[in-house]
Amino acid sequence: MKKTIEGILLGAALAGVMLTAGCGGGDSSNAKSAGASGQAQSKLMQTIKQRGKLIVGTSSGYPPYVFVDAQSPDKKVIGLDMEMCQQIADKLGVPMEVQDMSFSALLSSVTAGKVDIAVGGVSPTPEREKAMAFSDLYLPTEQKLLVRKEDQHKFKTMADLKGKVIGAEKSTTQEATAQKVEGATAIGLSSVPDAVLQLKNGKLDGIVVEGVVSKQYLVYNDDLALADVQFEGAKKVSAVALQKGNDDVLKIINDVIKQDTESGQFDKWVDEYSKIAIEKAGK
């Protein structure tokens, strides 16, 4: 009987040890693992991985950054920003899906979670940075005033724009620049091509465009030219926009930007897609 009781007590003790190990050590290990996993992957990273693709939002009509290849069967959006985003998708290990929309809808699509990242000559501003995160900067350039060639020498200073109608793509830093022109009326248009059309039809006196972008429109619009007007503080840089709190995704984006900046790849893409945009526009 004594041996039987001792056996029972020993078995109970062992069971208690095992139970303690299971409830304490095992759960603690699992908790640490879950915590590490939670820290390792942000909400956006988890969404991208589970979905199995990176959704990129953009607003085309902005060569060489993004523009539609009208000759392709599926009207594919191409450009240097698409090349960069493909590299980001490759590092994430997923394919890329592109959603083309107006610029005014683009940034709100980021905050609403309708797209994972937004590109297309997107520039961070203090107001935008309150609502979303931005990557490191790339491709610095300047804002320019595109006018009809016949009016090129009429606009040399900001004072010459008083009483004039200045257009720009809606919700962009170019529109913000136009709105700061004292005495001028600023008009926001749905896209750069729309603004160019309005300019050529005489409904605008000029449009504010990014320097890199203006070159494309000058090549295949010989009736347009750049005015000598210099906009104060109108330096322009580009960045990738995404929801805040996704540092792991942001790091991958910044790694790609750093790599392409240091290797000179951005400059190569500017030349490549400038030529492509011009060739396709001439067909």
Protein backbone atom coordinates (compact mmCIF):
# COMPACT_ATOMS: atom_id res chain seq x y z
CA MET A 1 0.00 0.00 0.00
CA LYS A 2 2.85 2.33 0.91
CA LYS A 3 4.45 1.78 -2.48
CA THR A 4 1.14 2.38 -4.16
CA ILE A 5 0.66 5.70 -2.36
CA GLU A 6 4.25 6.72 -3.14
CA GLY A 7 3.67 5.88 -6.79
CA ILE A 8 0.53 7.98 -6.87
CA LEU A 9 2.26 10.94 -5.21
CA LEU A 10 5.25 10.66 -7.56
CA GLY A 11 2.96 10.52 -10.58
CA ALA A 12 1.05 13.55 -9.34
CA ALA A 13 4.28 15.44 -8.78
CA LEU A 14 5.52 14.62 -12.27
CA ALA A 15 2.19 15.62 -13.76
CA GLY A 16 2.38 18.90 -11.84
CA VAL A 17 5.86 19.58 -13.19
CA MET A 18 4.73 18.82 -16.74
CA LEU A 19 1.62 20.93 -16.31
CA THR A 20 3.67 23.81 -14.95
CA ALA A 21 6.11 23.51 -17.83
CA GLY A 22 3.25 23.41 -20.31
CA CYS A 23 1.43 26.41 -18.85
CA GLY A 24 4.50 28.43 -18.02
CA GLY A 25 7.49 27.66 -20.21
CA GLY A 26 5.48 26.58 -23.27
CA ASP A 27 3.08 29.52 -23.28
CA SER A 28 5.88 31.96 -22.56
CA SER A 29 7.78 30.62 -25.54
CA ASN A 30 4.72 30.84 -27.76
CA ALA A 31 4.00 34.37 -26.52
CA LYS A 32 7.54 35.41 -27.29
CA SER A 33 7.27 33.83 -30.71
CA ALA A 34 3.96 35.55 -31.40
CA GLY A 35 5.36 38.83 -30.13
CA ALA A 36 8.42 38.51 -32.33
CA SER A 37 6.24 37.66 -35.29
CA GLY A 38 4.04 40.68 -34.58
CA GLN A 39 7.09 42.91 -34.39
CA ALA A 40 8.62 41.40 -37.50
CA GLN A 41 5.64 41.97 -39.75
CA SER A 42 3.53 45.11 -39.86
CA LYS A 43 -0.14 45.09 -40.78
CA LEU A 44 0.64 46.15 -44.35
CA MET A 45 3.32 43.49 -44.74
CA GLN A 46 0.92 40.82 -43.52
CA THR A 47 -1.78 42.06 -45.91
CA ILE A 48 0.57 42.00 -48.89
CA LYS A 49 1.85 38.51 -48.05
CA GLN A 50 -1.61 37.07 -47.40
CA ARG A 51 -3.07 38.67 -50.52
CA GLY A 52 -0.11 37.56 -52.59
CA LYS A 53 0.44 40.82 -54.49
CA LEU A 54 1.53 44.44 -54.08
CA ILE A 55 -1.16 46.95 -55.11
CA VAL A 56 0.43 50.11 -56.51
CA GLY A 57 -1.66 53.22 -56.99
CA THR A 58 -0.63 55.89 -59.50
CA SER A 59 -1.88 58.66 -61.76
CA SER A 60 -0.60 58.26 -65.32
CA GLY A 61 -0.02 61.03 -67.85
CA TYR A 62 3.18 61.97 -66.04
CA PRO A 63 6.09 60.82 -68.22
CA PRO A 64 8.77 59.68 -67.60
CA TYR A 65 7.48 58.70 -64.12
CA VAL A 66 4.25 57.02 -65.20
CA PHE A 67 2.33 56.97 -68.48
CA VAL A 68 0.13 54.63 -70.48
CA ASP A 69 1.61 52.59 -73.30
CA ALA A 70 -1.27 53.18 -75.70
CA GLN A 71 0.19 50.65 -78.15
CA SER A 72 0.07 47.77 -75.66
CA PRO A 73 -3.02 45.49 -75.80
CA ASP A 74 -3.82 46.05 -72.12
CA LYS A 75 -2.89 49.77 -72.08
CA LYS A 76 -0.13 49.03 -69.60
CA VAL A 77 1.13 51.78 -67.29
CA ILE A 78 4.89 52.11 -67.67
CA GLY A 79 7.63 54.49 -66.55
CA LEU A 80 10.51 54.81 -64.10
CA ASP A 81 8.22 54.64 -61.06
CA MET A 82 6.78 51.38 -62.34
CA GLU A 83 10.31 49.98 -62.69
CA MET A 84 11.07 50.98 -59.10
CA CYS A 85 7.81 49.45 -57.84
CA GLN A 86 8.58 46.20 -59.65
CA GLN A 87 11.86 46.03 -57.73
CA ILE A 88 9.93 46.60 -54.48
CA ALA A 89 7.48 43.82 -55.37
CA ASP A 90 10.39 41.51 -56.22
CA LYS A 91 11.96 42.12 -52.80
CA LEU A 92 8.59 41.42 -51.18
CA GLY A 93 8.36 38.20 -53.22
CA VAL A 94 4.98 39.01 -54.79
CA PRO A 95 3.69 40.19 -58.19
CA MET A 96 2.61 43.80 -58.71
CA GLU A 97 -0.85 45.11 -59.61
CA VAL A 98 -1.24 48.71 -60.82
CA GLN A 99 -4.34 50.83 -60.24
CA ASP A 100 -4.47 54.02 -62.33
CA MET A 101 -6.58 56.90 -61.04
CA SER A 102 -6.74 60.70 -60.79
CA PHE A 103 -4.11 62.26 -58.56
CA SER A 104 -6.78 63.76 -56.30
CA ALA A 105 -7.98 60.20 -55.53
CA LEU A 106 -4.50 58.72 -55.24
CA LEU A 107 -3.38 59.81 -51.79
CA SER A 108 -6.79 59.23 -50.21
CA SER A 109 -6.61 55.68 -51.58
CA VAL A 110 -3.45 55.18 -49.50
CA THR A 111 -5.02 56.34 -46.25
CA ALA A 112 -8.17 54.30 -46.98
CA GLY A 113 -6.09 51.17 -47.61
CA LYS A 114 -7.32 50.76 -51.19
CA VAL A 115 -3.73 50.67 -52.44
CA ASP A 116 -0.55 49.61 -50.62
CA ILE A 117 1.72 52.34 -51.96
CA ALA A 118 1.33 55.41 -54.18
CA VAL A 119 3.82 56.70 -56.77
CA GLY A 120 3.90 59.02 -59.76
CA GLY A 121 6.03 62.04 -58.91
CA VAL A 122 4.42 62.12 -55.45
CA SER A 123 5.99 64.78 -53.24
CA PRO A 124 5.76 64.85 -49.43
CA THR A 125 4.37 68.01 -47.82
CA PRO A 126 3.84 68.85 -44.12
CA GLU A 127 0.09 68.44 -44.60
CA ARG A 128 0.43 65.05 -46.32
CA GLU A 129 2.90 63.83 -43.73
CA LYS A 130 0.21 64.21 -41.05
CA ALA A 131 -1.88 61.54 -42.77
CA MET A 132 0.67 59.11 -44.22
CA ALA A 133 4.29 58.01 -44.28
CA PHE A 134 6.77 58.76 -47.04
CA SER A 135 9.90 57.03 -48.23
CA ASP A 136 13.29 58.62 -48.70
CA LEU A 137 13.39 61.20 -51.49
CA TYR A 138 14.55 60.67 -55.06
CA LEU A 139 14.94 62.61 -58.32
CA PRO A 140 15.05 66.26 -57.18
CA THR A 141 13.88 68.74 -59.83
CA GLU A 142 12.18 72.15 -60.16
CA GLN A 143 8.71 73.44 -60.95
CA LYS A 144 8.46 75.14 -64.35
CA LEU A 145 5.92 77.27 -66.16
CA LEU A 146 4.83 75.83 -69.50
CA VAL A 147 3.30 78.38 -71.88
CA ARG A 148 2.40 78.78 -75.54
CA LYS A 149 5.58 79.54 -77.50
CA GLU A 150 4.13 82.82 -78.75
CA ASP A 151 3.86 83.97 -75.11
CA GLN A 152 7.24 82.67 -73.97
CA HIS A 153 8.87 86.10 -73.61
CA LYS A 154 5.84 87.72 -71.99
CA PHE A 155 6.45 85.95 -68.71
CA LYS A 156 9.86 86.64 -67.18
CA THR A 157 9.00 87.39 -63.56
CA MET A 158 6.26 86.52 -61.11
CA ALA A 159 4.84 90.03 -61.58
CA ASP A 160 4.12 89.21 -65.22
CA LEU A 161 1.64 86.55 -64.09
CA LYS A 162 -0.65 89.00 -62.32
CA GLY A 163 -4.17 88.73 -63.71
CA LYS A 164 -3.33 85.53 -65.61
CA VAL A 165 -4.92 82.07 -65.35
CA ILE A 166 -2.46 79.39 -64.28
CA GLY A 167 -3.34 75.68 -64.44
CA ALA A 168 -1.90 72.58 -62.78
CA GLU A 169 -2.89 69.01 -62.02
CA LYS A 170 -5.38 68.99 -59.15
CA SER A 171 -4.19 68.21 -55.59
CA THR A 172 -0.50 68.31 -56.56
CA THR A 173 2.42 70.42 -55.34
CA GLN A 174 2.24 72.07 -58.76
CA GLU A 175 -1.28 73.28 -57.98
CA ALA A 176 -0.04 74.57 -54.60
CA THR A 177 2.71 76.48 -56.44
CA ALA A 178 0.16 78.00 -58.85
CA GLN A 179 -2.04 79.05 -55.94
CA LYS A 180 0.82 81.04 -54.45
CA VAL A 181 1.22 83.25 -57.53
CA GLU A 182 0.03 86.65 -56.35
CA GLY A 183 -2.72 88.18 -58.45
CA ALA A 184 -3.16 85.10 -60.65
CA THR A 185 -6.09 82.67 -60.81
CA ALA A 186 -5.12 79.04 -60.18
CA ILE A 187 -7.13 76.28 -61.86
CA GLY A 188 -6.84 72.60 -60.92
CA LEU A 189 -7.23 70.10 -63.77
CA SER A 190 -7.75 66.35 -63.65
CA SER A 191 -4.41 65.53 -65.30
CA VAL A 192 -1.35 67.07 -66.94
CA PRO A 193 -2.55 66.11 -70.47
CA ASP A 194 -5.85 67.87 -69.73
CA ALA A 195 -3.98 70.96 -68.54
CA VAL A 196 -1.79 70.95 -71.66
CA LEU A 197 -4.89 70.72 -73.86
CA GLN A 198 -6.50 73.66 -72.04
CA LEU A 199 -3.27 75.65 -72.50
CA LYS A 200 -3.08 74.91 -76.22
CA ASN A 201 -6.75 75.92 -76.60
CA GLY A 202 -6.06 79.30 -75.00
CA LYS A 203 -8.10 78.67 -71.85
CA LEU A 204 -4.98 78.92 -69.66
CA ASP A 205 -2.05 81.34 -69.84
CA GLY A 206 0.37 78.78 -68.46
CA ILE A 207 0.61 75.59 -66.45
CA VAL A 208 2.95 74.62 -63.63
CA VAL A 209 4.67 71.31 -64.33
CA GLU A 210 7.63 69.43 -62.96
CA GLY A 211 10.86 70.10 -64.84
CA VAL A 212 11.49 66.47 -65.76
CA VAL A 213 7.91 66.11 -67.01
CA SER A 214 7.91 69.35 -69.01
CA LYS A 215 10.62 68.00 -71.34
CA GLN A 216 8.29 65.30 -72.64
CA TYR A 217 5.54 67.74 -73.58
CA LEU A 218 7.98 70.15 -75.23
CA VAL A 219 9.31 67.48 -77.57
CA TYR A 220 5.98 66.62 -79.16
CA ASN A 221 4.29 70.03 -78.76
CA ASP A 222 6.41 72.46 -80.76
CA ASP A 223 3.91 75.24 -80.08
CA LEU A 224 4.78 75.19 -76.35
CA ALA A 225 7.82 76.50 -74.45
CA LEU A 226 9.11 77.10 -70.93
CA ALA A 227 8.90 80.65 -69.58
CA ASP A 228 11.77 82.21 -67.61
CA VAL A 229 9.64 82.59 -64.49
CA GLN A 230 11.33 81.22 -61.36
CA PHE A 231 9.01 80.00 -58.62
CA GLU A 232 10.36 80.74 -55.15
CA GLY A 233 10.96 77.61 -53.07
CA ALA A 234 9.59 75.39 -55.83
CA LYS A 235 12.11 72.60 -55.59
CA LYS A 236 10.40 69.28 -56.24
CA VAL A 237 11.32 65.83 -54.96
CA SER A 238 9.55 62.51 -55.28
CA ALA A 239 8.78 59.82 -52.70
CA VAL A 240 6.65 56.72 -52.20
CA ALA A 241 3.56 57.20 -50.01
CA LEU A 242 2.14 54.49 -47.73
CA GLN A 243 0.16 54.16 -44.51
CA LYS A 244 1.98 54.99 -41.28
CA GLY A 245 3.27 52.27 -38.96
CA ASN A 246 4.65 49.91 -41.61
CA ASP A 247 8.37 50.33 -41.06
CA ASP A 248 9.29 46.92 -42.48
CA VAL A 249 7.69 47.75 -45.84
CA LEU A 250 9.18 51.24 -45.69
CA LYS A 251 12.66 49.81 -45.16
CA ILE A 252 12.37 47.68 -48.29
CA ILE A 253 11.24 50.72 -50.29
CA ASN A 254 14.10 52.84 -48.94
CA ASP A 255 16.61 50.09 -49.73
CA VAL A 256 15.43 50.08 -53.35
CA ILE A 257 15.58 53.89 -53.58
CA LYS A 258 19.08 53.95 -52.08
CA GLN A 259 20.25 51.26 -54.48
CA ASP A 260 18.80 52.99 -57.57
CA THR A 261 20.10 56.41 -56.53
CA GLU A 262 23.65 55.24 -55.82
CA SER A 263 23.85 53.15 -58.99
CA GLY A 264 22.54 55.99 -61.17
CA GLN A 265 19.59 53.82 -62.21
CA PHE A 266 17.07 56.64 -61.76
CA ASP A 267 18.96 58.82 -64.23
CA LYS A 268 19.12 55.94 -66.70
CA TRP A 269 15.37 55.41 -66.37
CA VAL A 270 14.72 59.13 -66.94
CA ASP A 271 16.59 58.94 -70.24
CA GLU A 272 15.05 55.61 -71.23
CA TYR A 273 11.44 56.47 -70.50
CA SER A 274 11.76 60.00 -71.84
CA LYS A 275 12.75 58.51 -75.18
CA ILE A 276 9.98 55.89 -74.99
CA ALA A 277 7.34 58.53 -74.19
CA ILE A 278 8.48 60.68 -77.10
CA GLU A 279 8.57 57.76 -79.53
CA LYS A 280 5.10 56.57 -78.54
CA ALA A 281 3.66 60.06 -78.71
CA GLY A 282 4.93 60.40 -82.27
CA LYS A 283 3.10 57.25 -83.46
